[in-house]
Amino acid sequence: MSPSRKAATRMKGKTSKPKTRKAPAKAAPKKTKSAPAVVAATPKAPPAPKAPPVIRTSAEIHAPAHRVWAALTSPDEVNRWFTDRCEFEARPGGRVLFAWFGDAGTLPAYVNPSRQGMAAEARVEAWEPRRTFSIRPTARWPGLVTYRIEDLGERTRVEVVHEGWPTKDDWFKAHEKGWTEALDLLKHYLEKPEAEFDAYLAKVEARSA
């Protein structure tokens, strides 16, 4: 037998398995840095407008509410402690007049700095007897003035609120002081004997002259 035939005989019955190549391992994906999140800037809200200035002053008076109400709304009573001439129509829409006659007047200089006399007119805008009323000056004084009366039995709390001021200028500051001292006059008028009140009023006028 020839060598070639022997080799062929040996190969019979043998099946050669094809060699398989291993697939190359896949490389792990590279980690990429994410871009930082962009946060939209929140626009700043504009500052809230400032509330207009308001004068608030109050006093607690040892007198019944009906006496305090009369002292604030009866022309004869108002003339006794606050003005030289008062007109007061006690109703919504009613006319109000406060007048001072200069050096002979009852008010100190902080209300009447010229001491030459002046007058202020107003209209009644709200009216609740023995509780509250509001007047709106028609000239000279700005805004709305509201008087509130709280009955505390033998005592009465009085509050004055003066609105409508554009700024805290010198005119505002003069009224702020004026309303405080006006309620002080009212308190003395209702709590003290007549002679004692007159003496107190004379001192106030002398100090303010």
Protein backbone atom coordinates (compact mmCIF):
# COMPACT_ATOMS: atom_id res chain seq x y z
CA MET A 1 0.00 0.00 0.00
CA SER A 2 1.35 3.25 -0.94
CA PRO A 3 2.00 5.83 1.73
CA SER A 4 -0.58 8.13 0.32
CA ARG A 5 -3.22 5.42 0.45
CA LYS A 6 -2.30 4.66 4.06
CA ALA A 7 -2.70 8.22 4.97
CA ALA A 8 -6.05 8.36 3.31
CA THR A 9 -7.12 5.21 5.16
CA ARG A 10 -6.11 6.75 8.53
CA MET A 11 -8.07 9.81 7.83
CA LYS A 12 -11.23 7.85 7.19
CA GLY A 13 -13.65 7.98 10.09
CA LYS A 14 -12.00 11.00 11.64
CA THR A 15 -13.91 14.27 11.50
CA SER A 16 -11.93 17.38 12.08
CA LYS A 17 -13.57 20.02 14.12
CA PRO A 18 -13.10 23.53 12.89
CA LYS A 19 -11.29 25.71 15.33
CA THR A 20 -13.38 28.67 16.58
CA ARG A 21 -11.87 31.95 17.58
CA LYS A 22 -13.01 33.64 20.75
CA ALA A 23 -14.68 36.96 20.11
CA PRO A 24 -12.66 39.72 21.64
CA ALA A 25 -14.05 40.98 24.89
CA LYS A 26 -16.04 44.14 24.49
CA ALA A 27 -14.46 47.11 26.11
CA ALA A 28 -16.56 48.70 28.86
CA PRO A 29 -18.07 51.96 27.71
CA LYS A 30 -16.11 54.93 28.90
CA LYS A 31 -17.81 57.01 31.51
CA THR A 32 -18.56 60.49 30.29
CA LYS A 33 -18.98 63.48 32.56
CA SER A 34 -22.46 64.89 32.36
CA ALA A 35 -22.76 68.57 31.77
CA PRO A 36 -23.84 70.52 34.89
CA ALA A 37 -27.54 71.29 35.01
CA VAL A 38 -28.32 74.82 34.04
CA VAL A 39 -30.67 76.45 36.54
CA ALA A 40 -32.53 79.39 35.16
CA ALA A 41 -32.07 82.46 37.33
CA THR A 42 -35.29 83.50 39.01
CA PRO A 43 -35.89 87.16 38.38
CA LYS A 44 -36.06 89.16 41.58
CA ALA A 45 -39.47 90.53 42.36
CA PRO A 46 -39.57 94.30 42.50
CA PRO A 47 -39.70 95.64 46.06
CA ALA A 48 -43.20 96.13 47.37
CA PRO A 49 -44.24 99.75 47.38
CA LYS A 50 -44.06 101.35 50.77
CA ALA A 51 -47.36 102.03 52.45
CA PRO A 52 -48.09 105.73 52.77
CA PRO A 53 -47.43 107.13 56.24
CA VAL A 54 -50.34 107.34 58.66
CA ILE A 55 -50.65 109.28 61.92
CA ARG A 56 -52.12 107.23 64.76
CA THR A 57 -52.50 108.50 68.28
CA SER A 58 -54.74 107.57 71.18
CA ALA A 59 -55.55 108.43 74.77
CA GLU A 60 -57.48 106.84 77.59
CA ILE A 61 -59.71 109.35 79.33
CA HIS A 62 -61.43 109.00 82.70
CA ALA A 63 -64.82 110.12 81.44
CA PRO A 64 -67.88 108.30 80.07
CA ALA A 65 -68.19 107.82 76.32
CA HIS A 66 -71.10 110.26 75.91
CA ARG A 67 -69.02 113.07 77.46
CA VAL A 68 -66.07 112.35 75.19
CA TRP A 69 -68.36 112.21 72.14
CA ALA A 70 -69.89 115.56 73.01
CA ALA A 71 -66.47 117.13 73.52
CA LEU A 72 -65.49 116.03 70.01
CA THR A 73 -68.70 116.88 68.12
CA SER A 74 -70.61 119.63 69.96
CA PRO A 75 -69.52 123.08 68.68
CA ASP A 76 -69.86 124.62 72.14
CA GLU A 77 -67.68 121.92 73.66
CA VAL A 78 -65.11 121.99 70.85
CA ASN A 79 -64.80 125.76 71.26
CA ARG A 80 -64.07 125.25 74.91
CA TRP A 81 -60.90 123.21 74.43
CA PHE A 82 -59.90 123.19 70.74
CA THR A 83 -61.06 126.09 68.56
CA ASP A 84 -62.32 129.67 68.71
CA ARG A 85 -65.16 128.91 66.34
CA CYS A 86 -66.58 125.53 65.41
CA GLU A 87 -69.44 124.51 63.14
CA PHE A 88 -70.38 120.86 63.03
CA GLU A 89 -73.28 119.32 61.07
CA ALA A 90 -73.58 115.90 62.68
CA ARG A 91 -74.55 113.80 59.65
CA PRO A 92 -72.89 112.18 56.63
CA GLY A 93 -72.03 114.95 54.20
CA GLY A 94 -72.32 117.60 56.92
CA ARG A 95 -70.08 120.63 56.95
CA VAL A 96 -67.38 121.08 59.59
CA LEU A 97 -65.48 124.30 60.28
CA PHE A 98 -62.60 124.82 62.67
CA ALA A 99 -61.34 128.42 63.06
CA TRP A 100 -58.78 130.15 65.24
CA PHE A 101 -58.46 133.89 65.70
CA GLY A 102 -54.72 134.28 66.05
CA ASP A 103 -53.09 135.49 69.28
CA ALA A 104 -56.41 135.37 71.12
CA GLY A 105 -56.95 131.74 70.09
CA THR A 106 -56.94 128.71 72.29
CA LEU A 107 -54.55 126.58 70.23
CA PRO A 108 -50.78 126.67 70.68
CA ALA A 109 -48.39 127.64 67.94
CA TYR A 110 -47.82 124.12 66.61
CA VAL A 111 -51.31 124.23 65.10
CA ASN A 112 -51.37 127.93 64.31
CA PRO A 113 -47.72 128.89 63.74
CA SER A 114 -48.49 132.33 62.29
CA ARG A 115 -50.72 133.22 65.26
CA GLN A 116 -52.63 135.33 62.72
CA GLY A 117 -55.72 133.16 62.59
CA MET A 118 -56.82 130.49 60.15
CA ALA A 119 -59.74 128.25 59.30
CA ALA A 120 -60.12 124.69 58.06
CA GLU A 121 -63.23 123.23 56.45
CA ALA A 122 -64.14 119.56 56.12
CA ARG A 123 -66.99 117.23 55.22
CA VAL A 124 -68.33 114.39 57.35
CA GLU A 125 -67.78 111.12 55.47
CA ALA A 126 -68.78 108.57 58.13
CA TRP A 127 -70.99 108.93 61.17
CA GLU A 128 -71.81 106.34 63.84
CA PRO A 129 -72.96 108.15 67.00
CA ARG A 130 -70.79 107.51 70.06
CA ARG A 131 -68.60 105.12 68.10
CA THR A 132 -66.77 106.73 65.19
CA PHE A 133 -66.83 109.52 62.64
CA SER A 134 -64.57 110.61 59.79
CA ILE A 135 -64.03 114.01 58.25
CA ARG A 136 -62.22 114.89 55.03
CA PRO A 137 -60.68 118.36 54.91
CA THR A 138 -61.55 120.30 51.78
CA ALA A 139 -58.32 122.33 51.80
CA ARG A 140 -55.05 122.88 53.65
CA TRP A 141 -54.95 119.54 55.50
CA PRO A 142 -54.59 116.38 53.41
CA GLY A 143 -56.38 113.07 53.67
CA LEU A 144 -59.00 111.67 55.99
CA VAL A 145 -59.26 112.03 59.78
CA THR A 146 -61.09 109.29 61.68
CA TYR A 147 -62.04 109.44 65.37
CA ARG A 148 -62.84 106.17 67.15
CA ILE A 149 -64.48 105.97 70.57
CA GLU A 150 -64.29 102.83 72.73
CA ASP A 151 -66.52 102.70 75.79
CA LEU A 152 -64.63 101.18 78.72
CA GLY A 153 -67.25 101.93 81.37
CA GLU A 154 -65.96 104.75 83.54
CA ARG A 155 -63.20 105.36 81.03
CA THR A 156 -63.12 105.94 77.28
CA ARG A 157 -60.40 105.25 74.75
CA VAL A 158 -60.08 107.75 71.93
CA GLU A 159 -58.07 107.05 68.79
CA VAL A 160 -57.35 109.49 65.97
CA VAL A 161 -56.13 108.19 62.59
CA HIS A 162 -55.02 110.73 59.98
CA GLU A 163 -54.45 109.14 56.54
CA GLY A 164 -53.53 110.47 53.13
CA TRP A 165 -49.98 111.71 53.65
CA PRO A 166 -47.62 111.27 50.69
CA THR A 167 -44.43 111.50 52.76
CA LYS A 168 -43.21 112.08 56.29
CA ASP A 169 -42.33 115.69 55.64
CA ASP A 170 -42.28 118.56 58.14
CA TRP A 171 -46.03 119.07 57.68
CA PHE A 172 -46.62 115.42 58.60
CA LYS A 173 -44.38 115.68 61.67
CA ALA A 174 -46.11 118.85 62.84
CA HIS A 175 -49.49 117.11 62.66
CA GLU A 176 -48.13 114.01 64.36
CA LYS A 177 -47.11 116.15 67.31
CA GLY A 178 -50.26 118.23 67.05
CA TRP A 179 -52.69 115.30 67.31
CA THR A 180 -50.86 113.94 70.35
CA GLU A 181 -51.03 117.27 72.12
CA ALA A 182 -54.63 117.83 71.05
CA LEU A 183 -55.71 114.59 72.73
CA ASP A 184 -53.73 115.64 75.77
CA LEU A 185 -55.78 118.86 75.85
CA LEU A 186 -58.99 116.85 75.52
CA LYS A 187 -57.94 114.58 78.39
CA HIS A 188 -57.22 117.53 80.67
CA TYR A 189 -60.46 119.23 79.64
CA LEU A 190 -62.59 116.22 80.58
CA GLU A 191 -60.69 115.09 83.66
CA LYS A 192 -59.79 118.33 85.41
CA PRO A 193 -61.91 121.05 87.02
CA GLU A 194 -62.49 124.08 84.82
CA ALA A 195 -60.06 126.36 86.66
CA GLU A 196 -57.34 123.70 86.57
CA PHE A 197 -57.85 123.13 82.86
CA ASP A 198 -57.67 126.87 82.15
CA ALA A 199 -54.37 127.07 84.01
CA TYR A 200 -53.03 124.07 82.07
CA LEU A 201 -54.13 125.57 78.75
CA ALA A 202 -52.41 128.85 79.60
CA LYS A 203 -49.17 126.98 80.26
CA VAL A 204 -49.45 125.12 76.92
CA GLU A 205 -49.98 128.35 75.03
CA ALA A 206 -47.10 130.07 76.82
CA ARG A 207 -44.77 127.17 76.07
CA SER A 208 -45.72 127.17 72.39
CA ALA A 209 -45.68 130.89 71.80
